[in-house]
């Protein structure tokens, strides 16, 4: 909101700030679309388990950490 509404800071009073915020809200609500959230509770558990496992592993291990070999779907690079 800072970049889209409040910058540049050329307001002469709080009424102008309020008007611009309300106008932004109306514009946003007209164009907003729902999105599909892909990060699940199971993904969070996997992420947390992976980070704690990495912290517990010995530094003498010759194999790379699990996170380096296969990333969960939410961390996969996006395809163009």
N, C-alpha and C. Protein backbone atom coordinates (compact mmCIF):
# COMPACT_ATOMS: atom_id res chain seq x y z
N UNK A 1 0.83 -1.17 0.00
CA UNK A 1 0.00 0.00 0.00
C UNK A 1 0.88 1.24 0.00
N UNK A 2 2.01 1.17 0.66
CA UNK A 2 2.93 2.31 0.73
C UNK A 2 3.28 2.81 -0.68
N UNK A 3 3.71 1.88 -1.55
CA UNK A 3 4.13 2.27 -2.90
C UNK A 3 2.96 2.68 -3.77
N UNK A 4 1.82 2.05 -3.60
CA UNK A 4 0.70 2.26 -4.50
C UNK A 4 -0.20 3.42 -4.10
N UNK A 5 -0.21 3.79 -2.84
CA UNK A 5 -1.18 4.77 -2.37
C UNK A 5 -0.53 5.98 -1.70
N UNK A 6 0.36 5.74 -0.78
CA UNK A 6 0.86 6.80 0.07
C UNK A 6 2.05 7.55 -0.55
N UNK A 7 2.72 6.94 -1.52
CA UNK A 7 3.85 7.60 -2.17
C UNK A 7 3.38 8.15 -3.51
N UNK A 8 3.63 9.35 -3.88
CA UNK A 8 4.40 10.34 -3.14
C UNK A 8 3.59 10.93 -1.99
N UNK A 9 4.28 11.37 -1.00
CA UNK A 9 3.65 11.92 0.20
C UNK A 9 3.36 13.41 -0.04
N UNK A 10 2.33 13.67 -0.84
CA UNK A 10 2.02 15.06 -1.20
C UNK A 10 0.67 15.50 -0.64
N UNK A 11 0.31 14.95 0.49
CA UNK A 11 -0.98 15.26 1.09
C UNK A 11 -0.91 16.58 1.86
N UNK A 12 -2.00 17.33 1.79
CA UNK A 12 -2.06 18.57 2.57
C UNK A 12 -2.84 18.38 3.86
N UNK A 13 -3.47 17.23 4.00
CA UNK A 13 -4.23 16.96 5.23
C UNK A 13 -4.65 15.51 5.30
N UNK A 14 -5.14 15.10 6.47
CA UNK A 14 -5.56 13.73 6.68
C UNK A 14 -6.77 13.36 5.82
N UNK A 15 -7.59 14.35 5.48
CA UNK A 15 -8.74 14.08 4.61
C UNK A 15 -8.29 13.54 3.26
N UNK A 16 -7.21 14.09 2.72
CA UNK A 16 -6.69 13.61 1.43
C UNK A 16 -6.15 12.20 1.55
N UNK A 17 -5.50 11.89 2.65
CA UNK A 17 -4.99 10.54 2.88
C UNK A 17 -6.18 9.57 2.91
N UNK A 18 -7.19 9.92 3.66
CA UNK A 18 -8.37 9.07 3.78
C UNK A 18 -9.03 8.86 2.42
N UNK A 19 -9.19 9.93 1.65
CA UNK A 19 -9.81 9.83 0.32
C UNK A 19 -9.01 8.91 -0.60
N UNK A 20 -7.68 9.05 -0.57
CA UNK A 20 -6.86 8.21 -1.44
C UNK A 20 -6.92 6.75 -1.02
N UNK A 21 -6.92 6.49 0.29
CA UNK A 21 -7.02 5.11 0.77
C UNK A 21 -8.36 4.48 0.38
N UNK A 22 -9.43 5.23 0.52
CA UNK A 22 -10.76 4.72 0.17
C UNK A 22 -10.85 4.46 -1.34
N UNK A 23 -10.28 5.37 -2.14
CA UNK A 23 -10.28 5.18 -3.59
C UNK A 23 -9.50 3.93 -3.98
N UNK A 24 -8.35 3.72 -3.33
CA UNK A 24 -7.56 2.52 -3.59
C UNK A 24 -8.35 1.26 -3.23
N UNK A 25 -9.00 1.27 -2.10
CA UNK A 25 -9.78 0.11 -1.66
C UNK A 25 -10.87 -0.21 -2.68
N UNK A 26 -11.57 0.79 -3.16
CA UNK A 26 -12.63 0.57 -4.15
C UNK A 26 -12.08 0.00 -5.45
N UNK A 27 -10.98 0.60 -5.93
CA UNK A 27 -10.35 0.11 -7.16
C UNK A 27 -9.88 -1.32 -7.00
N UNK A 28 -9.24 -1.61 -5.89
CA UNK A 28 -8.72 -2.95 -5.64
C UNK A 28 -9.85 -3.97 -5.57
N UNK A 29 -10.92 -3.64 -4.88
CA UNK A 29 -12.04 -4.57 -4.74
C UNK A 29 -12.73 -4.85 -6.08
N UNK A 30 -12.67 -3.92 -7.01
CA UNK A 30 -13.25 -4.13 -8.33
C UNK A 30 -12.42 -5.09 -9.17
N UNK A 31 -11.11 -5.11 -8.98
CA UNK A 31 -10.23 -5.91 -9.83
C UNK A 31 -9.66 -7.14 -9.14
N UNK A 32 -9.85 -7.26 -7.85
CA UNK A 32 -9.26 -8.38 -7.10
C UNK A 32 -9.87 -9.70 -7.53
N UNK A 33 -9.00 -10.73 -7.59
CA UNK A 33 -9.45 -12.07 -7.92
C UNK A 33 -8.92 -13.04 -6.87
N UNK A 34 -9.68 -14.07 -6.55
CA UNK A 34 -9.18 -15.05 -5.58
C UNK A 34 -7.98 -15.80 -6.15
N UNK A 35 -7.15 -16.30 -5.30
CA UNK A 35 -6.01 -17.10 -5.73
C UNK A 35 -6.03 -18.42 -5.00
N UNK A 36 -5.39 -19.41 -5.58
CA UNK A 36 -5.33 -20.74 -4.96
C UNK A 36 -4.11 -20.81 -4.06
N UNK A 37 -4.33 -21.00 -2.80
CA UNK A 37 -3.26 -21.10 -1.83
C UNK A 37 -2.73 -22.52 -1.87
N UNK A 38 -1.43 -22.70 -2.13
CA UNK A 38 -0.86 -24.03 -2.30
C UNK A 38 -0.08 -24.53 -1.09
N UNK A 39 0.22 -23.68 -0.16
CA UNK A 39 1.01 -24.07 1.00
C UNK A 39 0.05 -24.66 2.03
N UNK A 40 0.20 -25.94 2.30
CA UNK A 40 -0.72 -26.65 3.19
C UNK A 40 -0.10 -26.84 4.58
N UNK A 41 -0.90 -27.22 5.56
CA UNK A 41 -0.32 -27.54 6.87
C UNK A 41 0.72 -28.65 6.78
N UNK A 42 0.50 -29.62 5.89
CA UNK A 42 1.49 -30.69 5.72
C UNK A 42 2.80 -30.13 5.17
N UNK A 43 2.71 -29.16 4.25
CA UNK A 43 3.92 -28.52 3.74
C UNK A 43 4.69 -27.83 4.86
N UNK A 44 3.97 -27.18 5.76
CA UNK A 44 4.62 -26.51 6.88
C UNK A 44 5.32 -27.53 7.77
N UNK A 45 4.65 -28.63 8.04
CA UNK A 45 5.27 -29.67 8.85
C UNK A 45 6.52 -30.21 8.18
N UNK A 46 6.46 -30.44 6.86
CA UNK A 46 7.63 -30.91 6.12
C UNK A 46 8.77 -29.90 6.19
N UNK A 47 8.44 -28.65 6.02
CA UNK A 47 9.45 -27.61 6.07
C UNK A 47 10.10 -27.54 7.45
N UNK A 48 9.28 -27.59 8.49
CA UNK A 48 9.81 -27.53 9.85
C UNK A 48 10.64 -28.77 10.17
N UNK A 49 10.18 -29.92 9.75
CA UNK A 49 10.93 -31.16 9.99
C UNK A 49 12.26 -31.13 9.25
N UNK A 50 12.25 -30.61 8.04
CA UNK A 50 13.49 -30.53 7.25
C UNK A 50 14.49 -29.59 7.86
N UNK A 51 14.03 -28.45 8.37
CA UNK A 51 14.98 -27.49 8.94
C UNK A 51 15.56 -28.01 10.25
N UNK A 52 14.76 -28.71 11.04
CA UNK A 52 15.30 -29.22 12.29
C UNK A 52 16.22 -30.41 12.04
N UNK A 53 15.92 -31.23 11.01
CA UNK A 53 16.80 -32.34 10.67
C UNK A 53 18.15 -31.83 10.19
N UNK A 54 18.14 -30.79 9.41
CA UNK A 54 19.38 -30.21 8.89
C UNK A 54 20.25 -29.71 10.04
N UNK A 55 19.62 -29.12 11.05
CA UNK A 55 20.38 -28.60 12.19
C UNK A 55 20.98 -29.71 13.03
N UNK A 56 20.37 -30.88 13.04
CA UNK A 56 20.84 -31.99 13.86
C UNK A 56 21.90 -32.83 13.16
N UNK A 57 21.99 -32.78 11.83
CA UNK A 57 22.91 -33.63 11.09
C UNK A 57 24.36 -33.27 11.38
N UNK A 58 25.19 -34.26 11.29
CA UNK A 58 26.62 -34.06 11.48
C UNK A 58 27.19 -33.28 10.30
N UNK A 59 28.16 -32.44 10.56
CA UNK A 59 28.78 -31.65 9.49
C UNK A 59 29.74 -32.49 8.68
N UNK A 60 30.05 -33.73 9.11
CA UNK A 60 30.97 -34.59 8.37
C UNK A 60 30.24 -35.43 7.33
N UNK A 61 28.96 -35.32 7.22
CA UNK A 61 28.19 -36.10 6.26
C UNK A 61 28.61 -35.74 4.83
N UNK A 62 28.80 -36.75 3.98
CA UNK A 62 29.22 -36.49 2.61
C UNK A 62 28.04 -36.24 1.68
N UNK A 63 26.83 -36.59 2.10
CA UNK A 63 25.67 -36.36 1.24
C UNK A 63 25.10 -34.98 1.50
N UNK A 64 24.55 -34.35 0.45
CA UNK A 64 23.97 -33.01 0.64
C UNK A 64 22.71 -33.09 1.47
N UNK A 65 22.32 -32.00 2.11
CA UNK A 65 21.08 -32.00 2.88
C UNK A 65 19.88 -32.34 2.00
N UNK A 66 18.84 -32.86 2.59
CA UNK A 66 17.65 -33.26 1.83
C UNK A 66 17.08 -32.10 1.04
N UNK A 67 17.09 -30.91 1.62
CA UNK A 67 16.53 -29.74 0.94
C UNK A 67 17.27 -29.43 -0.34
N UNK A 68 18.55 -29.78 -0.44
CA UNK A 68 19.33 -29.49 -1.63
C UNK A 68 19.04 -30.48 -2.75
N UNK A 69 18.56 -31.68 -2.41
CA UNK A 69 18.32 -32.68 -3.44
C UNK A 69 16.90 -32.67 -3.96
N UNK A 70 15.92 -32.42 -3.12
CA UNK A 70 14.55 -32.34 -3.61
C UNK A 70 13.79 -31.29 -2.82
N UNK A 71 13.25 -30.34 -3.55
CA UNK A 71 12.51 -29.25 -2.90
C UNK A 71 11.03 -29.56 -2.89
N UNK A 72 10.32 -29.17 -1.83
CA UNK A 72 8.86 -29.31 -1.82
C UNK A 72 8.27 -28.47 -2.96
N UNK A 73 7.06 -28.79 -3.37
CA UNK A 73 6.44 -28.12 -4.52
C UNK A 73 6.38 -26.61 -4.35
N UNK A 74 6.22 -26.10 -3.14
CA UNK A 74 6.10 -24.67 -2.94
C UNK A 74 7.44 -23.95 -3.05
N UNK A 75 8.53 -24.70 -3.09
CA UNK A 75 9.85 -24.09 -3.24
C UNK A 75 10.45 -24.35 -4.61
N UNK A 76 9.74 -25.08 -5.46
CA UNK A 76 10.24 -25.36 -6.79
C UNK A 76 10.30 -24.08 -7.60
N UNK A 77 11.31 -23.93 -8.45
CA UNK A 77 11.35 -22.74 -9.32
C UNK A 77 10.12 -22.70 -10.23
N UNK A 78 9.64 -21.51 -10.47
CA UNK A 78 8.47 -21.37 -11.35
C UNK A 78 8.88 -21.55 -12.80
N UNK A 79 8.03 -22.20 -13.56
CA UNK A 79 8.28 -22.36 -14.98
C UNK A 79 7.82 -21.12 -15.72
N UNK A 80 8.59 -20.68 -16.70
CA UNK A 80 8.21 -19.46 -17.44
C UNK A 80 6.95 -19.61 -18.24
